[in-house]
Protein backbone atom coordinates (compact mmCIF):
# COMPACT_ATOMS: atom_id res chain seq x y z
CA MET A 1 200.43 215.72 -176.13
CA LYS A 2 203.50 213.74 -174.92
CA GLU A 3 203.60 216.10 -171.79
CA LYS A 4 199.87 215.70 -170.98
CA SER A 5 200.11 211.86 -171.29
CA LEU A 6 203.20 212.04 -168.85
CA LEU A 7 201.34 214.29 -166.61
CA SER A 8 198.24 212.04 -166.50
CA PHE A 9 200.35 208.88 -165.68
CA THR A 10 202.15 210.64 -162.85
CA ILE A 11 198.86 211.63 -161.44
CA PHE A 12 197.37 208.10 -161.86
CA LEU A 13 200.52 206.42 -160.44
CA LEU A 14 200.30 208.70 -157.28
CA LEU A 15 196.44 208.34 -156.86
CA PHE A 16 197.10 204.58 -157.15
CA CYS A 17 199.82 204.73 -154.53
CA PHE A 18 197.72 206.92 -152.40
CA ILE A 19 194.69 204.61 -152.35
CA SER A 20 196.74 201.54 -151.74
CA GLY A 21 198.48 203.38 -148.70
CA VAL A 22 194.97 204.08 -147.26
CA PHE A 23 193.52 200.59 -147.66
CA PHE A 24 196.54 198.32 -148.12
CA PRO A 25 199.15 199.95 -145.87
CA SER A 26 202.80 198.04 -145.93
CA GLN A 27 204.17 196.93 -142.64
CA ASN A 28 207.55 197.47 -143.50
CA SER A 29 208.00 200.60 -145.89
CA TYR A 30 211.07 201.07 -148.17
CA SER A 31 212.91 204.19 -147.16
CA TYR A 32 214.65 205.74 -150.08
CA VAL A 33 217.08 208.15 -148.67
CA ASN A 34 214.73 209.80 -146.08
CA GLN A 35 211.67 208.99 -144.10
CA VAL A 36 208.65 211.02 -144.26
CA GLU A 37 208.26 213.11 -141.16
CA ASN A 38 205.14 212.30 -139.39
CA LEU A 39 203.40 215.33 -137.65
CA GLY A 40 201.53 212.90 -135.40
CA GLU A 41 198.10 214.22 -137.05
CA GLU A 42 195.08 211.76 -136.24
CA ARG A 43 192.41 213.34 -138.10
CA SER A 44 190.73 211.81 -140.86
CA LEU A 45 191.39 212.92 -144.35
CA LEU A 46 187.94 214.42 -144.68
CA GLU A 47 188.17 216.37 -141.14
CA LEU A 48 191.51 217.88 -142.58
CA VAL A 49 189.80 218.98 -145.90
CA LEU A 50 186.86 220.56 -144.11
CA LYS A 51 189.30 222.39 -141.53
CA ASN A 52 191.25 223.68 -144.52
CA ASN A 53 194.58 222.52 -142.72
CA ARG A 54 196.75 222.32 -145.74
CA LEU A 55 200.02 221.56 -143.81
CA GLU A 56 198.67 218.33 -142.21
CA PHE A 57 196.56 217.40 -145.18
CA LYS A 58 199.60 217.31 -147.45
CA ASN A 59 201.69 215.18 -144.55
CA LYS A 60 198.80 212.92 -144.40
CA ILE A 61 199.09 212.25 -148.01
CA ASP A 62 202.48 211.95 -148.04
CA ASN A 63 202.56 209.34 -145.35
CA TYR A 64 199.78 207.34 -147.19
CA ILE A 65 201.90 207.23 -150.31
CA PHE A 66 205.06 206.36 -148.42
CA GLN A 67 203.21 203.48 -146.73
CA SER A 68 201.71 202.38 -150.10
CA SER A 69 202.25 198.55 -150.90
CA VAL A 70 202.15 199.60 -154.60
CA ARG A 71 204.85 202.01 -153.98
CA ASN A 72 207.06 199.46 -151.91
CA LEU A 73 206.59 196.80 -154.28
CA SER A 74 207.57 199.22 -157.30
CA LEU A 75 210.60 200.42 -155.57
CA GLU A 76 211.63 196.51 -154.63
CA ILE A 77 211.33 195.53 -158.14
CA MET A 78 213.37 198.48 -159.64
CA ALA A 79 216.01 197.89 -156.94
CA GLU A 80 216.26 194.27 -157.45
CA PHE A 81 216.32 194.57 -161.41
CA SER A 82 219.03 197.21 -161.01
CA TRP A 83 221.07 195.30 -158.76
CA SER A 84 220.79 192.06 -161.00
CA MET A 85 222.43 194.06 -163.82
CA GLN A 86 225.54 195.29 -161.72
CA GLY A 87 227.64 192.16 -162.90
CA VAL A 88 226.25 192.14 -166.64
CA LEU A 89 226.66 195.71 -167.79
CA PRO A 90 230.01 197.81 -168.02
CA ILE A 91 228.21 200.93 -166.49
CA ASP A 92 226.14 201.52 -163.29
CA PRO A 93 222.62 200.96 -164.06
CA GLN A 94 220.83 201.95 -160.94
CA PHE A 95 217.95 203.92 -161.42
CA PHE A 96 218.16 206.22 -158.25
CA ASN A 97 220.21 209.42 -158.45
CA THR A 98 221.82 209.06 -155.01
CA GLU A 99 225.24 210.15 -153.84
CA VAL A 100 226.76 206.73 -154.26
CA PHE A 101 227.52 204.64 -157.36
CA TYR A 102 228.09 200.95 -158.18
CA GLY A 103 231.47 199.47 -159.40
CA TYR A 104 232.08 195.78 -160.35
CA ASP A 105 229.47 193.27 -158.92
CA GLY A 106 227.71 195.96 -157.16
CA GLU A 107 230.59 197.43 -154.98
CA LEU A 108 229.39 200.65 -153.61
CA PHE A 109 231.27 203.75 -153.77
CA PRO A 110 230.59 207.53 -152.81
CA LYS A 111 230.27 210.34 -155.60
CA ASN A 112 232.64 213.18 -155.66
CA LYS A 113 230.63 215.92 -154.17
CA ASP A 114 233.21 218.53 -154.55
CA CYS A 115 236.51 218.10 -156.29
CA SER A 116 238.31 220.98 -154.54
CA SER A 117 240.95 223.10 -156.11
CA ILE A 118 244.68 222.77 -155.41
CA ILE A 119 245.49 224.19 -152.06
CA GLU A 120 248.40 226.71 -151.88
CA LYS A 121 251.68 225.68 -150.29
CA ASN A 122 251.25 228.34 -147.67
CA SER A 123 247.46 227.99 -147.03
CA TYR A 124 247.93 225.85 -144.11
CA ILE A 125 251.39 225.10 -142.33
CA LEU A 126 250.89 223.77 -138.80
CA ASP A 127 252.47 225.82 -135.91
CA LYS A 128 255.61 223.93 -134.94
CA LYS A 129 254.55 223.86 -131.04
CA PHE A 130 251.57 221.74 -131.86
CA LYS A 131 253.32 219.18 -134.09
CA ASP A 132 254.09 216.85 -131.33
CA LYS A 133 250.56 216.51 -130.40
CA LEU A 134 248.61 216.43 -133.57
CA ILE A 135 247.66 213.30 -135.49
CA PHE A 136 246.02 213.75 -138.97
CA ILE A 137 244.03 210.86 -140.24
CA ILE A 138 242.81 212.05 -143.62
CA VAL A 139 240.93 209.29 -145.26
CA PRO A 140 240.85 208.84 -149.09
CA LEU A 141 237.72 208.08 -150.80
CA LYS A 142 236.87 204.33 -151.56
CA GLN A 143 237.50 204.51 -155.07
CA GLU A 144 241.03 205.99 -154.91
CA ILE A 145 242.02 202.63 -152.94
CA GLU A 146 240.01 200.38 -154.85
CA THR A 147 240.42 201.40 -158.24
CA ASN A 148 240.43 197.71 -159.56
CA LYS A 149 236.67 197.59 -158.80
CA LEU A 150 235.76 200.37 -160.90
CA HIS A 151 234.34 200.24 -164.46
CA ASP A 152 236.77 202.03 -166.99
CA LEU A 153 234.19 204.86 -167.52
CA GLN A 154 234.27 205.48 -163.87
CA LYS A 155 237.86 205.75 -163.37
CA ASN A 156 237.65 209.09 -165.61
CA ASN A 157 235.69 210.50 -162.61
CA LEU A 158 238.53 210.20 -160.05
CA CYS A 159 239.37 213.36 -158.21
CA LYS A 160 243.32 213.47 -158.74
CA LYS A 161 243.43 216.73 -156.62
CA ASN A 162 242.64 214.94 -153.53
CA LEU A 163 246.02 213.08 -153.59
CA MET A 164 247.71 216.26 -154.74
CA ASN A 165 246.23 218.19 -152.07
CA PHE A 166 247.45 215.55 -149.44
CA GLU A 167 250.89 215.58 -150.83
CA THR A 168 251.20 219.14 -150.50
CA PHE A 169 249.82 219.14 -147.03
CA ILE A 170 252.50 216.65 -146.12
CA GLU A 171 255.37 218.58 -148.06
CA VAL A 172 254.57 221.98 -146.02
CA ASN A 173 254.46 220.18 -142.76
CA GLY A 174 257.65 218.32 -142.52
CA ASN A 175 257.81 215.61 -139.79
CA SER A 176 254.16 216.15 -138.49
CA TYR A 177 252.30 213.10 -137.53
CA ILE A 178 249.94 212.75 -140.95
CA LEU A 179 249.05 209.28 -141.42
CA ASN A 180 249.50 208.25 -145.29
CA ILE A 181 246.35 205.92 -145.78
CA TYR A 182 247.29 205.66 -149.45
CA ASP A 183 250.31 203.67 -148.61
CA LEU A 184 248.62 202.11 -145.60
CA PHE A 185 245.77 200.43 -147.54
CA PHE A 186 248.09 199.39 -150.36
CA GLY A 187 248.01 195.76 -151.58
CA ASN A 188 245.38 193.16 -152.34
CA ASP A 189 243.61 193.26 -149.08
CA THR A 190 239.97 194.71 -148.77
CA PHE A 191 239.76 197.81 -146.29
CA TYR A 192 236.46 199.09 -147.20
CA GLU A 193 232.86 197.52 -146.42
CA PHE A 194 231.27 195.98 -149.50
CA GLY A 195 227.83 197.56 -149.18
CA ASP A 196 229.26 200.92 -147.52
CA THR A 197 231.65 203.47 -148.22
CA HIS A 198 233.44 203.38 -144.89
CA TRP A 199 236.46 201.23 -143.58
CA ASN A 200 235.89 197.54 -142.53
CA SER A 201 237.62 196.02 -139.51
CA LEU A 202 241.21 195.42 -141.42
CA GLY A 203 241.11 199.26 -142.31
CA PHE A 204 240.12 200.34 -138.94
CA ASN A 205 242.81 198.17 -136.91
CA THR A 206 245.26 199.15 -139.71
CA VAL A 207 245.07 202.95 -139.07
CA LEU A 208 244.63 202.22 -135.13
CA LYS A 209 247.98 200.31 -134.92
CA GLU A 210 249.58 203.16 -136.95
CA VAL A 211 248.35 205.60 -134.38
CA LEU A 212 249.34 203.53 -131.51
CA SER A 213 252.92 203.49 -132.88
CA ILE A 214 253.02 207.19 -132.51
CA THR A 215 251.15 207.34 -129.19
CA ASN A 216 252.92 204.46 -127.63
CA SER A 217 256.22 204.08 -129.44
CA ASN A 218 257.82 202.01 -126.69
CA GLU A 219 255.25 199.17 -127.19
CA VAL A 220 254.93 196.70 -130.04
CA PHE A 221 251.27 195.86 -131.59
CA ASN A 222 250.07 193.33 -133.82
CA ILE A 223 246.85 192.96 -135.91
CA GLU A 224 245.46 189.38 -135.30
CA ASP A 225 242.21 187.40 -136.46
CA ASP A 226 239.43 187.85 -134.20
CA GLY A 227 236.66 185.43 -136.06
CA THR A 228 234.21 187.04 -138.24
CA TYR A 229 231.36 189.69 -138.29
CA ARG A 230 228.38 190.52 -140.49
CA GLU A 231 229.40 193.23 -143.07
CA ASN A 232 228.09 196.40 -142.90
CA ASN A 233 225.54 197.16 -145.65
CA ASN A 234 224.10 200.59 -144.18
CA VAL A 235 224.41 202.59 -147.04
CA LEU A 236 223.36 200.09 -149.67
CA GLU A 237 220.18 199.30 -147.80
CA ARG A 238 219.33 203.04 -147.22
CA LEU A 239 219.98 204.08 -150.76
CA GLY A 240 220.00 201.11 -153.00
CA LEU A 241 217.31 199.43 -151.27
CA ILE A 242 219.17 196.02 -151.27
CA LYS A 243 219.64 193.91 -148.10
CA THR A 244 222.20 191.72 -148.20
CA GLU A 245 223.80 189.51 -145.50
CA SER A 246 227.69 188.87 -145.75
CA TYR A 247 230.42 187.96 -143.34
CA ILE A 248 234.18 188.93 -143.37
CA LYS A 249 237.18 188.53 -141.52
CA LYS A 250 237.04 190.49 -138.07
CA TYR A 251 240.62 191.83 -136.54
CA THR A 252 241.90 193.22 -133.17
CA ILE A 253 245.13 194.54 -131.99
CA ASN A 254 247.11 192.83 -129.15
CA PRO A 255 248.41 193.48 -126.50
CA VAL A 256 246.51 196.01 -124.59
CA ALA A 257 248.32 199.16 -124.09
CA LYS A 258 250.13 199.38 -120.94
CA GLN A 259 249.60 203.12 -120.57
CA LYS A 260 246.39 204.95 -121.77
CA GLN A 261 246.93 208.17 -123.41
CA ASN A 262 244.25 210.84 -122.87
CA ILE A 263 243.19 211.79 -126.46
CA LEU A 264 240.73 213.85 -128.20
CA ILE A 265 239.24 212.75 -131.65
CA ILE A 266 237.95 215.16 -133.85
CA ARG A 267 235.94 213.08 -136.27
CA ASP A 268 233.16 212.37 -138.93
CA SER A 269 231.19 209.23 -139.67
CA PHE A 270 234.63 206.93 -139.86
CA PHE A 271 234.64 207.05 -136.10
CA GLU A 272 231.17 206.10 -135.51
CA ASN A 273 230.68 203.15 -133.59
CA ASP A 274 229.56 200.98 -136.42
CA TYR A 275 233.08 201.45 -138.17
CA SER A 276 235.43 202.20 -135.13
CA PRO A 277 234.14 199.94 -132.11
CA VAL A 278 234.26 202.47 -129.16
CA LYS A 279 235.28 199.41 -126.98
CA GLU A 280 238.31 198.60 -129.22
CA ILE A 281 239.31 202.11 -128.89
CA GLU A 282 238.78 202.38 -125.05
CA LYS A 283 241.28 199.49 -124.65
CA PHE A 284 244.05 201.81 -125.88
CA PHE A 285 242.98 205.32 -124.82
CA THR A 286 240.74 207.44 -122.77
CA VAL A 287 238.94 209.07 -125.64
CA THR A 288 236.86 212.36 -125.95
CA TYR A 289 235.03 212.88 -129.13
CA LEU A 290 234.25 216.14 -131.13
CA LYS A 291 232.15 215.86 -134.11
CA TRP A 292 232.86 218.28 -137.12
CA GLY A 293 229.41 219.67 -137.11
CA GLU A 294 229.77 220.86 -133.59
CA PHE A 295 231.71 223.76 -134.07
CA GLU A 296 232.35 226.64 -136.63
CA SER A 297 236.10 226.75 -135.73
CA ILE A 298 238.41 225.09 -133.27
CA ASN A 299 241.54 226.76 -131.72
CA ILE A 300 244.20 223.96 -131.20
CA GLY A 301 245.98 226.22 -128.63
CA ASP A 302 242.74 225.97 -126.29
CA LEU A 303 242.81 222.12 -126.08
CA TYR A 304 246.59 221.74 -126.61
CA GLU A 305 247.15 221.14 -122.59
CA ASP A 306 244.31 219.05 -121.73
CA PHE A 307 244.98 216.20 -124.25
CA ASP A 308 248.40 213.92 -124.51
CA TYR A 309 247.13 213.94 -128.44
CA ILE A 310 244.54 215.31 -130.73
CA ILE A 311 243.52 213.08 -133.58
CA ILE A 312 241.91 215.00 -136.56
CA GLU A 313 240.23 212.94 -138.87
CA SER A 314 238.08 213.43 -141.99
CA SER A 315 237.19 212.07 -145.40
CA ILE A 316 239.96 213.74 -147.55
CA ASP A 317 237.30 215.55 -149.79
CA VAL A 318 235.47 217.56 -147.51
CA PHE A 319 238.78 218.12 -145.39
CA PHE A 320 240.55 220.34 -148.24
CA SER A 321 237.33 221.93 -149.48
CA ASP A 322 235.98 222.84 -146.27
CA ARG A 323 237.16 221.48 -142.75
CA ILE A 324 240.97 222.58 -143.34
CA SER A 325 239.79 226.30 -142.85
CA LYS A 326 238.15 225.62 -139.64
CA ILE A 327 241.33 224.77 -137.75
CA ASN A 328 242.96 227.58 -136.06
CA ASN A 329 246.37 226.65 -134.84
C-alpha cells in the first residue's frame, strides 16, 4: 500500500511539473548538476506520439519538466531551507546527494571520491636527470586545510592516507621540487573559496610565489594587496542552488619577473582561469597548458628539452589514486 501511494504521488508530481512546463515555463531554470540536453526537436508532442519517435518524445518531456515553474519553485524552496539550517544543526542537512558537503555556516567541501591506499616507497621514484625541471603542485583537499570549519562528525571522514602518501612521495624523492602546500597553507588565513572547493586569490598567489622562488631564484617577490574581488561560488550555485555574492581580498605578486621562463603546466581545474588568472601567470612565464584528460600517459623525457620547467599540478586524491601512474619518467 505504501509503495503504491508513493508511486501515485511521484506520477502526480511529475505530471504536475510536466503540465506546468508546457503552459507556465520558467525563464531561468534551476540547473541541478546537469542541464537536460536539447535535441532541437521542434515538432509538437502530438506529432511525436503519432510518429512513434520515442527518443525525441522522451527528450521533449524531459525538457518540459526541466523548465517547469513548479519544479524550479520546489527546488528553490528546498535549497533555501537546507541552506538556512547550515548554521543551526551540527550536521550537513542538504537534501541533494552531490559530490560536496557543507561545514560550519555553509562552507563548501568536496567529498572524498576515493581514499586511495598507501603507495609503496618504490612505486614512484623520479628519475634523477629530470629532478631539476619537474615541479610538483599536489593540492590537498579543502577539508584537510580548513578542518576547523568541519562539524565533529565530518572530521571522521577525512582521508588520512592523502597526507601519508604525500609524505612518502617526498621521502623517496629527496631534494625534488615538491611544494608542501600543507605547510604553505598553514595559519589563520583563508586559502580556499567559500562557495567553491578551489583555492582563492591568496591560495593561488601563495603557490605562485613558491614556484617563482624555484624558477627565478635570484629575484625576490612579494604578495601584496590588490583590492577585492567577487568570490567564486560556482559549485555552490551549480550543486546547492544557492546564489550568494560576497567579496574578499584580492592579491598580486610584485615585481614582474625580469626573465620569463618557458614552462609547461600539466593541470586540472585549479589552474583554470577562474582560479588562476591567465594574465597573472603570463606576467612571469611563457606558458603551455596540458589537461590531465588530454592524454593516457605522458613521457617526461619527450618534453624535457622543450621547457625550462614542467609543473605537474593535481588535486591530491586523484593524483595518488590514478594520475601518478600516467607519468612515465
